[in-house]
Amino acid sequence: MPNPMTPIEFLDASAVDPAVFDLRPDYRAMLLVVDGLAPDASNRSGGAHLDALVAAAEAHSRALLAASLVEELPHIAAWREAYRAFGAKPQRNRNSLEALTRRAEHGLPRVNALTDIYNAISVLHQIPLGGEDFHLYDGAARLTRATGEEPFDTAANGDTVIEHPELGEVIWCDGAGTCRRWNWRQGRRTALSDATDTAFFILDALAPMTDDALTKAADALADALTGLGGEVRVLRRQIGAP
């Protein structure tokens, strides 16, 4: 059943639990709902503009890694610290920014236009960024610490498998789990697909990323998505510690 909430209602109801801010008071989430996407938007993985965006991200990764070890890049280092704080092992469970930056050096994967765009923006602006299908959400989004009972759907050997997060793990969830270990791995249930016409994006920021840099990353994502439909509308909300 499609999400019954309007994008504005969804953004207003989405929240970060105080327990997460207790862990990292510097955390901020920028949430975007993008509607008006063409039904076949996710198939448009070609095109000179998108190719140029992906190429720029790949070149940026190579330049960063030529000058620094990946784990010493400022925002990646901050996320490694955050992972350790809730018991994750960052060398084994890499945050999405680190995983993409490492991969981009040798070429980003090409999946579909929506995914290719947000992957490129993630690397270019050095920020963890996830995208999901708004209509597959069960209520609003919430960042919380897990009880360990939340279902998380993934795949093993081509089969769907239901996992559960560890107690205290930081997760994004709705009526069920949507992303484990803050920004490590998204579930399959809410994945972007060829049918996505309204997408939901999460940009995760820690110090030393500034609010200005976070806003610029969101602006770049919004600008890149406007070409995927005739009447694309972008709504956003930033959430930070009270």
Protein backbone atom coordinates (compact mmCIF):
# COMPACT_ATOMS: atom_id res chain seq x y z
CA MET A 1 0.00 0.00 0.00
CA PRO A 2 1.41 3.44 -0.92
CA ASN A 3 2.46 5.67 1.95
CA PRO A 4 -0.76 7.53 2.94
CA MET A 5 1.21 10.56 4.18
CA THR A 6 1.84 13.58 2.00
CA PRO A 7 5.50 14.53 1.54
CA ILE A 8 5.04 17.49 3.92
CA GLU A 9 3.35 15.32 6.55
CA PHE A 10 6.10 12.73 6.15
CA LEU A 11 8.91 15.24 6.63
CA ASP A 12 7.19 16.88 9.60
CA ALA A 13 6.69 13.50 11.31
CA SER A 14 10.19 12.14 10.64
CA ALA A 15 12.46 12.30 13.66
CA VAL A 16 15.79 11.51 15.28
CA ASP A 17 15.57 9.96 18.74
CA PRO A 18 17.35 11.77 21.61
CA ALA A 19 19.45 8.63 22.20
CA VAL A 20 21.15 9.23 18.85
CA PHE A 21 22.00 12.82 19.77
CA ASP A 22 23.33 11.54 23.10
CA LEU A 23 25.74 9.45 21.05
CA ARG A 24 26.66 12.23 18.60
CA PRO A 25 25.37 15.72 19.48
CA ASP A 26 26.93 17.02 16.24
CA TYR A 27 24.72 14.84 14.04
CA ARG A 28 22.40 16.42 11.48
CA ALA A 29 20.06 14.80 8.96
CA MET A 30 18.93 16.50 5.77
CA LEU A 31 15.79 14.82 4.45
CA LEU A 32 14.51 15.35 0.91
CA VAL A 33 11.32 14.11 -0.71
CA VAL A 34 11.38 14.47 -4.49
CA ASP A 35 8.15 13.96 -6.40
CA GLY A 36 7.09 14.44 -10.00
CA LEU A 37 9.74 12.03 -11.27
CA ALA A 38 8.90 10.46 -14.64
CA PRO A 39 7.80 6.81 -14.33
CA ASP A 40 10.87 5.68 -16.27
CA ALA A 41 13.27 8.08 -14.55
CA SER A 42 15.26 5.27 -12.96
CA ASN A 43 15.90 3.79 -16.40
CA ARG A 44 17.61 6.91 -17.67
CA SER A 45 21.10 5.93 -16.61
CA GLY A 46 22.65 7.29 -19.81
CA GLY A 47 22.99 10.85 -21.01
CA ALA A 48 25.93 13.20 -21.20
CA HIS A 49 25.00 15.15 -18.06
CA LEU A 50 24.79 12.08 -15.85
CA ASP A 51 27.93 10.58 -17.38
CA ALA A 52 29.77 13.82 -16.60
CA LEU A 53 28.50 13.83 -13.01
CA VAL A 54 29.66 10.26 -12.43
CA ALA A 55 33.01 10.94 -14.09
CA ALA A 56 33.51 13.99 -11.86
CA ALA A 57 32.82 11.89 -8.76
CA GLU A 58 35.28 9.22 -9.88
CA ALA A 59 37.97 11.84 -10.57
CA HIS A 60 37.32 13.47 -7.18
CA SER A 61 37.78 10.13 -5.43
CA ARG A 62 41.06 9.52 -7.22
CA ALA A 63 42.32 12.97 -6.23
CA LEU A 64 41.32 12.51 -2.59
CA LEU A 65 42.93 9.09 -2.32
CA ALA A 66 46.11 10.27 -4.01
CA ALA A 67 46.54 12.80 -1.21
CA SER A 68 45.26 10.86 1.81
CA LEU A 69 44.44 7.42 3.15
CA VAL A 70 40.69 6.86 2.86
CA GLU A 71 40.27 6.38 6.61
CA GLU A 72 41.91 9.76 7.23
CA LEU A 73 39.50 11.77 5.08
CA PRO A 74 37.75 14.04 7.60
CA HIS A 75 34.11 13.01 7.23
CA ILE A 76 34.95 9.33 6.78
CA ALA A 77 37.08 9.46 9.94
CA ALA A 78 34.17 11.03 11.83
CA TRP A 79 31.84 8.25 10.71
CA ARG A 80 34.34 5.61 11.73
CA GLU A 81 34.31 7.12 15.24
CA ALA A 82 30.50 7.14 15.27
CA TYR A 83 30.39 3.48 14.29
CA ARG A 84 32.76 2.53 17.10
CA ALA A 85 30.59 4.47 19.56
CA PHE A 86 27.65 2.08 19.07
CA GLY A 87 29.77 -1.06 18.82
CA ALA A 88 30.22 -1.50 15.06
CA LYS A 89 33.60 -2.36 13.54
CA PRO A 90 34.25 0.26 10.83
CA GLN A 91 36.99 -1.75 9.16
CA ARG A 92 34.46 -4.54 8.55
CA ASN A 93 31.22 -2.55 8.24
CA ARG A 94 32.19 0.48 6.19
CA ASN A 95 29.87 3.47 6.20
CA SER A 96 28.35 4.11 2.79
CA LEU A 97 30.56 7.14 2.10
CA GLU A 98 33.77 5.18 2.70
CA ALA A 99 32.55 2.22 0.65
CA LEU A 100 31.60 4.44 -2.30
CA THR A 101 34.77 6.56 -2.15
CA ARG A 102 36.91 3.42 -2.28
CA ARG A 103 34.86 2.03 -5.15
CA ALA A 104 34.71 5.27 -7.11
CA GLU A 105 38.48 5.32 -7.51
CA HIS A 106 38.08 2.41 -9.94
CA GLY A 107 34.62 3.32 -11.25
CA LEU A 108 31.20 3.77 -9.67
CA PRO A 109 28.54 1.14 -10.34
CA ARG A 110 25.84 2.19 -12.80
CA VAL A 111 22.43 1.11 -11.53
CA ASN A 112 19.75 3.59 -12.61
CA ALA A 113 19.54 7.36 -12.88
CA LEU A 114 18.26 7.98 -9.35
CA THR A 115 20.89 5.76 -7.74
CA ASP A 116 23.71 6.90 -10.03
CA ILE A 117 22.97 10.54 -9.19
CA TYR A 118 22.91 10.16 -5.44
CA ASN A 119 26.03 7.96 -5.45
CA ALA A 120 27.89 10.63 -7.42
CA ILE A 121 26.71 13.44 -5.13
CA SER A 122 27.74 11.37 -2.10
CA VAL A 123 31.32 11.07 -3.36
CA LEU A 124 31.58 14.63 -4.69
CA HIS A 125 30.35 16.16 -1.44
CA GLN A 126 31.82 13.49 0.85
CA ILE A 127 28.60 12.71 2.69
CA PRO A 128 26.71 9.45 3.34
CA LEU A 129 23.57 9.59 1.22
CA GLY A 130 20.78 7.06 0.76
CA GLY A 131 17.78 6.99 -1.55
CA GLU A 132 14.53 5.05 -1.20
CA ASP A 133 11.03 4.83 -2.66
CA PHE A 134 8.75 7.15 -0.69
CA HIS A 135 5.61 5.13 -1.42
CA LEU A 136 7.13 1.95 0.01
CA TYR A 137 7.57 3.53 3.44
CA ASP A 138 5.30 2.43 6.28
CA GLY A 139 4.81 5.79 7.97
CA ALA A 140 7.50 8.37 8.69
CA ALA A 141 11.26 7.84 8.93
CA ARG A 142 12.94 7.62 12.32
CA LEU A 143 16.57 7.31 13.33
CA THR A 144 16.83 5.39 16.56
CA ARG A 145 18.81 2.80 18.51
CA ALA A 146 17.60 -0.70 17.83
CA THR A 147 15.84 -3.03 20.22
CA GLY A 148 17.17 -5.94 18.16
CA GLU A 149 13.69 -7.00 17.08
CA GLU A 150 13.34 -4.83 13.98
CA PRO A 151 13.16 -6.82 10.70
CA PHE A 152 15.67 -5.97 8.01
CA ASP A 153 15.35 -7.61 4.60
CA THR A 154 18.46 -8.44 2.64
CA ALA A 155 19.67 -11.16 0.27
CA ALA A 156 21.94 -14.16 0.61
CA ASN A 157 22.77 -16.37 -2.37
CA GLY A 158 19.91 -14.76 -4.28
CA ASP A 159 17.31 -15.49 -1.62
CA THR A 160 15.55 -12.97 0.62
CA VAL A 161 16.75 -13.17 4.21
CA ILE A 162 15.36 -11.36 7.25
CA GLU A 163 18.04 -10.15 9.64
CA HIS A 164 17.75 -8.25 12.91
CA PRO A 165 20.04 -5.46 14.10
CA GLU A 166 22.12 -5.73 17.24
CA LEU A 167 20.81 -4.18 20.45
CA GLY A 168 21.74 -0.50 20.49
CA GLU A 169 22.68 -0.37 16.82
CA VAL A 170 21.75 2.93 15.17
CA ILE A 171 19.14 2.30 12.47
CA TRP A 172 16.75 4.15 10.22
CA CYS A 173 13.29 2.64 10.38
CA ASP A 174 9.61 3.19 9.66
CA GLY A 175 7.16 0.50 10.71
CA ALA A 176 10.09 -1.88 10.13
CA GLY A 177 13.83 -1.52 9.51
CA THR A 178 15.06 0.36 6.45
CA CYS A 179 18.82 0.92 6.95
CA ARG A 180 21.24 -0.81 9.30
CA ARG A 181 24.21 0.72 11.14
CA TRP A 182 23.09 4.30 10.47
CA ASN A 183 24.13 4.35 6.81
CA TRP A 184 25.80 1.01 6.20
CA ARG A 185 23.26 -1.03 4.24
CA GLN A 186 19.73 -0.26 3.08
CA GLY A 187 17.00 -2.89 3.01
CA ARG A 188 15.45 -4.13 -0.20
CA ARG A 189 11.84 -3.36 0.74
CA THR A 190 12.08 0.38 0.11
CA ALA A 191 14.63 0.29 -2.73
CA LEU A 192 14.37 2.65 -5.69
CA SER A 193 13.04 0.94 -8.81
CA ASP A 194 11.79 1.56 -12.33
CA ALA A 195 8.37 2.41 -10.85
CA THR A 196 9.62 5.10 -8.44
CA ASP A 197 7.93 8.44 -9.02
CA THR A 198 8.54 9.89 -5.55
CA ALA A 199 11.90 9.36 -3.89
CA PHE A 200 13.13 9.95 -0.35
CA PHE A 201 16.76 10.85 0.34
CA ILE A 202 18.73 11.03 3.59
CA LEU A 203 21.99 12.98 3.89
CA ASP A 204 23.89 12.23 7.13
CA ALA A 205 26.32 14.81 8.51
CA LEU A 206 28.78 14.90 11.42
CA ALA A 207 31.41 17.48 12.33
CA PRO A 208 33.61 18.63 10.67
CA MET A 209 30.93 18.95 7.94
CA THR A 210 29.27 22.32 8.36
CA ASP A 211 25.60 23.18 7.87
CA ASP A 212 26.61 25.19 4.81
CA ALA A 213 28.34 22.17 3.27
CA LEU A 214 25.32 20.00 4.09
CA THR A 215 23.02 22.48 2.37
CA LYS A 216 25.27 22.62 -0.70
CA ALA A 217 25.19 18.82 -0.97
CA ALA A 218 21.38 18.86 -0.77
CA ASP A 219 21.23 21.64 -3.37
CA ALA A 220 23.47 19.65 -5.72
CA LEU A 221 21.28 16.57 -5.34
CA ALA A 222 18.10 18.57 -5.97
CA ASP A 223 19.59 20.26 -9.04
CA ALA A 224 20.71 16.93 -10.51
CA LEU A 225 17.26 15.37 -10.02
CA THR A 226 15.24 18.15 -11.64
CA GLY A 227 15.97 16.78 -15.12
CA LEU A 228 14.22 13.48 -14.35
CA GLY A 229 10.70 14.76 -14.85
CA GLY A 230 8.72 17.64 -16.25
CA GLU A 231 7.41 18.91 -12.90
CA VAL A 232 9.89 17.74 -10.28
CA ARG A 233 9.29 19.19 -6.81
CA VAL A 234 11.83 18.97 -3.98
CA LEU A 235 10.84 19.36 -0.33
CA ARG A 236 13.40 19.25 2.44
CA ARG A 237 13.87 19.37 6.18
CA GLN A 238 17.00 19.49 8.31
CA ILE A 239 16.97 17.84 11.73
CA GLY A 240 19.61 18.57 14.37
CA ALA A 241 20.04 18.32 18.12
CA PRO A 242 17.62 20.51 20.12
